[in-house]
């Protein structure tokens, strides 16, 4: 009986060690970071979205003081991604529609970097995956 309990405890300890070690990230996510300038100045605030071209995992981040950082646990697997950046113009007052609802703020980012973006990046296993974006 004592030997059986010892085997059970050994098995339980081995199983817990395997679980504690984890299996790694099955998607192979990598951290992604970079900088964004708008008209020569760091973008003070906004959002960046990275949408997969060939895959199924997307990610994004807040932009603050011209930089963004997506940590590994929220990162992207190697592959190509479409870049979309948005930043509402908070200097203008919100406008109401005819029905009285608030309309979304005007975006500071031109459509070619947002809704009509054709800008792509490639995340690689052996790369730094730090991308500078310059929006004229």
C-alpha atoms as a PDB file:
ATOM      1  CA  UNK A   1       0.000   0.000   0.000  1.00  0.00           C
ATOM      2  CA  UNK A   2       2.836   2.365   0.908  1.00  0.00           C
ATOM      3  CA  UNK A   3       4.608   1.692  -2.418  1.00  0.00           C
ATOM      4  CA  UNK A   4       1.383   2.390  -4.325  1.00  0.00           C
ATOM      5  CA  UNK A   5       0.927   5.740  -2.557  1.00  0.00           C
ATOM      6  CA  UNK A   6       4.523   6.651  -3.306  1.00  0.00           C
ATOM      7  CA  UNK A   7       4.023   5.829  -7.028  1.00  0.00           C
ATOM      8  CA  UNK A   8       0.831   7.941  -7.095  1.00  0.00           C
ATOM      9  CA  UNK A   9       2.604  10.840  -5.426  1.00  0.00           C
ATOM     10  CA  UNK A  10       5.528  10.541  -7.851  1.00  0.00           C
ATOM     11  CA  UNK A  11       3.164  10.521 -10.810  1.00  0.00           C
ATOM     12  CA  UNK A  12       1.260  13.509  -9.443  1.00  0.00           C
ATOM     13  CA  UNK A  13       4.474  15.475  -8.882  1.00  0.00           C
ATOM     14  CA  UNK A  14       5.682  14.669 -12.416  1.00  0.00           C
ATOM     15  CA  UNK A  15       2.337  15.761 -13.892  1.00  0.00           C
ATOM     16  CA  UNK A  16       2.385  19.041 -11.948  1.00  0.00           C
ATOM     17  CA  UNK A  17       5.935  19.773 -13.082  1.00  0.00           C
ATOM     18  CA  UNK A  18       4.943  19.245 -16.707  1.00  0.00           C
ATOM     19  CA  UNK A  19       1.959  21.568 -16.322  1.00  0.00           C
ATOM     20  CA  UNK A  20       4.011  24.189 -14.516  1.00  0.00           C
ATOM     21  CA  UNK A  21       6.595  24.123 -17.301  1.00  0.00           C
ATOM     22  CA  UNK A  22       3.877  24.762 -19.855  1.00  0.00           C
ATOM     23  CA  UNK A  23       3.821  23.658 -23.437  1.00  0.00           C
ATOM     24  CA  UNK A  24       4.988  26.966 -24.882  1.00  0.00           C
ATOM     25  CA  UNK A  25       2.896  29.032 -27.228  1.00  0.00           C
ATOM     26  CA  UNK A  26       1.389  26.693 -29.834  1.00  0.00           C
ATOM     27  CA  UNK A  27       0.952  29.654 -32.209  1.00  0.00           C
ATOM     28  CA  UNK A  28       4.595  30.754 -31.965  1.00  0.00           C
ATOM     29  CA  UNK A  29       3.654  34.333 -31.047  1.00  0.00           C
ATOM     30  CA  UNK A  30       6.400  36.938 -31.162  1.00  0.00           C
ATOM     31  CA  UNK A  31       6.535  40.420 -29.624  1.00  0.00           C
ATOM     32  CA  UNK A  32       6.023  43.311 -32.047  1.00  0.00           C
ATOM     33  CA  UNK A  33       6.859  46.962 -31.430  1.00  0.00           C
ATOM     34  CA  UNK A  34       7.593  50.153 -33.272  1.00  0.00           C
ATOM     35  CA  UNK A  35       7.164  53.854 -33.699  1.00  0.00           C
ATOM     36  CA  UNK A  36       4.634  56.006 -35.517  1.00  0.00           C
ATOM     37  CA  UNK A  37       5.128  59.571 -36.673  1.00  0.00           C
ATOM     38  CA  UNK A  38       2.437  61.762 -38.224  1.00  0.00           C
ATOM     39  CA  UNK A  39       3.580  64.782 -40.234  1.00  0.00           C
ATOM     40  CA  UNK A  40       7.046  64.534 -38.704  1.00  0.00           C
ATOM     41  CA  UNK A  41       5.908  64.301 -35.063  1.00  0.00           C
ATOM     42  CA  UNK A  42       5.324  61.275 -32.820  1.00  0.00           C
ATOM     43  CA  UNK A  43       1.658  60.224 -32.835  1.00  0.00           C
ATOM     44  CA  UNK A  44       0.515  61.197 -29.335  1.00  0.00           C
ATOM     45  CA  UNK A  45      -2.280  58.627 -29.111  1.00  0.00           C
ATOM     46  CA  UNK A  46      -4.227  56.166 -31.211  1.00  0.00           C
ATOM     47  CA  UNK A  47      -4.514  52.518 -32.148  1.00  0.00           C
ATOM     48  CA  UNK A  48      -2.584  50.187 -34.410  1.00  0.00           C
ATOM     49  CA  UNK A  49      -4.165  47.009 -35.744  1.00  0.00           C
ATOM     50  CA  UNK A  50      -2.259  44.226 -37.504  1.00  0.00           C
ATOM     51  CA  UNK A  51      -4.544  41.989 -39.571  1.00  0.00           C
ATOM     52  CA  UNK A  52      -3.292  38.706 -41.045  1.00  0.00           C
ATOM     53  CA  UNK A  53      -2.953  38.428 -44.808  1.00  0.00           C
ATOM     54  CA  UNK A  54      -2.343  34.663 -44.880  1.00  0.00           C
ATOM     55  CA  UNK A  55      -3.152  33.585 -41.323  1.00  0.00           C
ATOM     56  CA  UNK A  56      -5.855  33.858 -38.733  1.00  0.00           C
ATOM     57  CA  UNK A  57      -4.283  35.671 -35.754  1.00  0.00           C
ATOM     58  CA  UNK A  58      -4.535  39.434 -35.482  1.00  0.00           C
ATOM     59  CA  UNK A  59      -3.340  41.799 -32.793  1.00  0.00           C
ATOM     60  CA  UNK A  60      -3.088  45.447 -31.956  1.00  0.00           C
ATOM     61  CA  UNK A  61      -1.997  47.991 -29.425  1.00  0.00           C
ATOM     62  CA  UNK A  62      -2.554  51.453 -28.105  1.00  0.00           C
ATOM     63  CA  UNK A  63      -0.156  54.067 -29.463  1.00  0.00           C
ATOM     64  CA  UNK A  64       1.275  56.423 -26.874  1.00  0.00           C
ATOM     65  CA  UNK A  65       3.925  59.076 -27.369  1.00  0.00           C
ATOM     66  CA  UNK A  66       4.741  57.739 -30.822  1.00  0.00           C
ATOM     67  CA  UNK A  67       5.352  54.126 -29.822  1.00  0.00           C
ATOM     68  CA  UNK A  68       3.484  50.844 -29.585  1.00  0.00           C
ATOM     69  CA  UNK A  69       4.382  47.548 -27.974  1.00  0.00           C
ATOM     70  CA  UNK A  70       2.650  44.194 -28.340  1.00  0.00           C
ATOM     71  CA  UNK A  71       4.062  41.696 -25.800  1.00  0.00           C
ATOM     72  CA  UNK A  72       4.747  38.102 -26.769  1.00  0.00           C
ATOM     73  CA  UNK A  73       1.613  36.691 -25.115  1.00  0.00           C
ATOM     74  CA  UNK A  74      -0.505  39.001 -27.309  1.00  0.00           C
ATOM     75  CA  UNK A  75       1.951  38.981 -30.220  1.00  0.00           C
ATOM     76  CA  UNK A  76       1.835  37.522 -33.699  1.00  0.00           C
ATOM     77  CA  UNK A  77       3.021  34.299 -35.308  1.00  0.00           C
ATOM     78  CA  UNK A  78       5.469  34.719 -38.199  1.00  0.00           C
ATOM     79  CA  UNK A  79       3.714  35.933 -41.334  1.00  0.00           C
ATOM     80  CA  UNK A  80       2.484  38.958 -43.287  1.00  0.00           C
ATOM     81  CA  UNK A  81       0.096  41.502 -41.775  1.00  0.00           C
ATOM     82  CA  UNK A  82      -1.843  44.532 -43.007  1.00  0.00           C
ATOM     83  CA  UNK A  83      -1.228  47.664 -40.928  1.00  0.00           C
ATOM     84  CA  UNK A  84      -4.135  49.925 -39.952  1.00  0.00           C
ATOM     85  CA  UNK A  85      -3.606  52.967 -37.754  1.00  0.00           C
ATOM     86  CA  UNK A  86      -6.273  55.259 -36.334  1.00  0.00           C
ATOM     87  CA  UNK A  87      -6.241  58.311 -34.091  1.00  0.00           C
ATOM     88  CA  UNK A  88      -9.348  60.380 -33.396  1.00  0.00           C
ATOM     89  CA  UNK A  89      -9.013  64.153 -33.563  1.00  0.00           C
ATOM     90  CA  UNK A  90      -9.795  64.998 -29.956  1.00  0.00           C
ATOM     91  CA  UNK A  91      -9.183  68.714 -30.496  1.00  0.00           C
ATOM     92  CA  UNK A  92     -12.582  69.109 -32.162  1.00  0.00           C
ATOM     93  CA  UNK A  93     -15.853  69.014 -30.263  1.00  0.00           C
ATOM     94  CA  UNK A  94     -18.089  65.999 -30.769  1.00  0.00           C
ATOM     95  CA  UNK A  95     -20.856  66.607 -33.295  1.00  0.00           C
ATOM     96  CA  UNK A  96     -24.417  65.401 -33.074  1.00  0.00           C
ATOM     97  CA  UNK A  97     -26.297  63.855 -35.949  1.00  0.00           C
ATOM     98  CA  UNK A  98     -29.796  64.916 -36.953  1.00  0.00           C
ATOM     99  CA  UNK A  99     -31.198  62.206 -34.648  1.00  0.00           C
ATOM    100  CA  UNK A 100     -29.195  63.556 -31.705  1.00  0.00           C
ATOM    101  CA  UNK A 101     -26.634  60.735 -31.489  1.00  0.00           C
ATOM    102  CA  UNK A 102     -22.954  61.589 -31.302  1.00  0.00           C
ATOM    103  CA  UNK A 103     -20.950  61.089 -34.481  1.00  0.00           C
ATOM    104  CA  UNK A 104     -17.492  59.494 -34.298  1.00  0.00           C
ATOM    105  CA  UNK A 105     -14.588  61.928 -34.148  1.00  0.00           C
ATOM    106  CA  UNK A 106     -12.752  62.682 -37.365  1.00  0.00           C
ATOM    107  CA  UNK A 107      -9.648  60.525 -37.804  1.00  0.00           C
ATOM    108  CA  UNK A 108      -6.261  62.240 -37.988  1.00  0.00           C
ATOM    109  CA  UNK A 109      -4.853  59.341 -40.004  1.00  0.00           C
ATOM    110  CA  UNK A 110      -5.410  59.386 -43.779  1.00  0.00           C
ATOM    111  CA  UNK A 111      -7.437  56.486 -45.294  1.00  0.00           C
ATOM    112  CA  UNK A 112      -4.341  55.027 -47.019  1.00  0.00           C
ATOM    113  CA  UNK A 113      -3.058  54.132 -43.531  1.00  0.00           C
ATOM    114  CA  UNK A 114      -6.466  53.165 -42.171  1.00  0.00           C
ATOM    115  CA  UNK A 115      -9.600  51.928 -43.979  1.00  0.00           C
ATOM    116  CA  UNK A 116      -7.847  51.767 -47.372  1.00  0.00           C
ATOM    117  CA  UNK A 117      -4.452  50.626 -46.102  1.00  0.00           C
ATOM    118  CA  UNK A 118      -2.135  48.691 -48.402  1.00  0.00           C
ATOM    119  CA  UNK A 119       0.775  48.853 -45.932  1.00  0.00           C
ATOM    120  CA  UNK A 120       2.088  45.441 -44.905  1.00  0.00           C
ATOM    121  CA  UNK A 121       4.741  44.111 -42.550  1.00  0.00           C
ATOM    122  CA  UNK A 122       6.309  40.697 -42.162  1.00  0.00           C
ATOM    123  CA  UNK A 123       6.869  39.279 -38.689  1.00  0.00           C
ATOM    124  CA  UNK A 124       9.802  36.854 -38.667  1.00  0.00           C
ATOM    125  CA  UNK A 125      11.221  34.434 -36.103  1.00  0.00           C
ATOM    126  CA  UNK A 126      14.760  35.683 -36.596  1.00  0.00           C
ATOM    127  CA  UNK A 127      13.906  39.391 -36.778  1.00  0.00           C
ATOM    128  CA  UNK A 128      13.649  42.138 -34.192  1.00  0.00           C
ATOM    129  CA  UNK A 129      10.060  42.847 -35.343  1.00  0.00           C
ATOM    130  CA  UNK A 130      10.361  46.554 -34.585  1.00  0.00           C
ATOM    131  CA  UNK A 131       8.643  48.612 -37.265  1.00  0.00           C
ATOM    132  CA  UNK A 132       8.839  52.401 -37.819  1.00  0.00           C
ATOM    133  CA  UNK A 133       5.827  53.919 -39.584  1.00  0.00           C
ATOM    134  CA  UNK A 134       6.075  57.385 -41.103  1.00  0.00           C
ATOM    135  CA  UNK A 135       2.731  58.931 -42.072  1.00  0.00           C
ATOM    136  CA  UNK A 136       3.150  62.096 -44.156  1.00  0.00           C
END
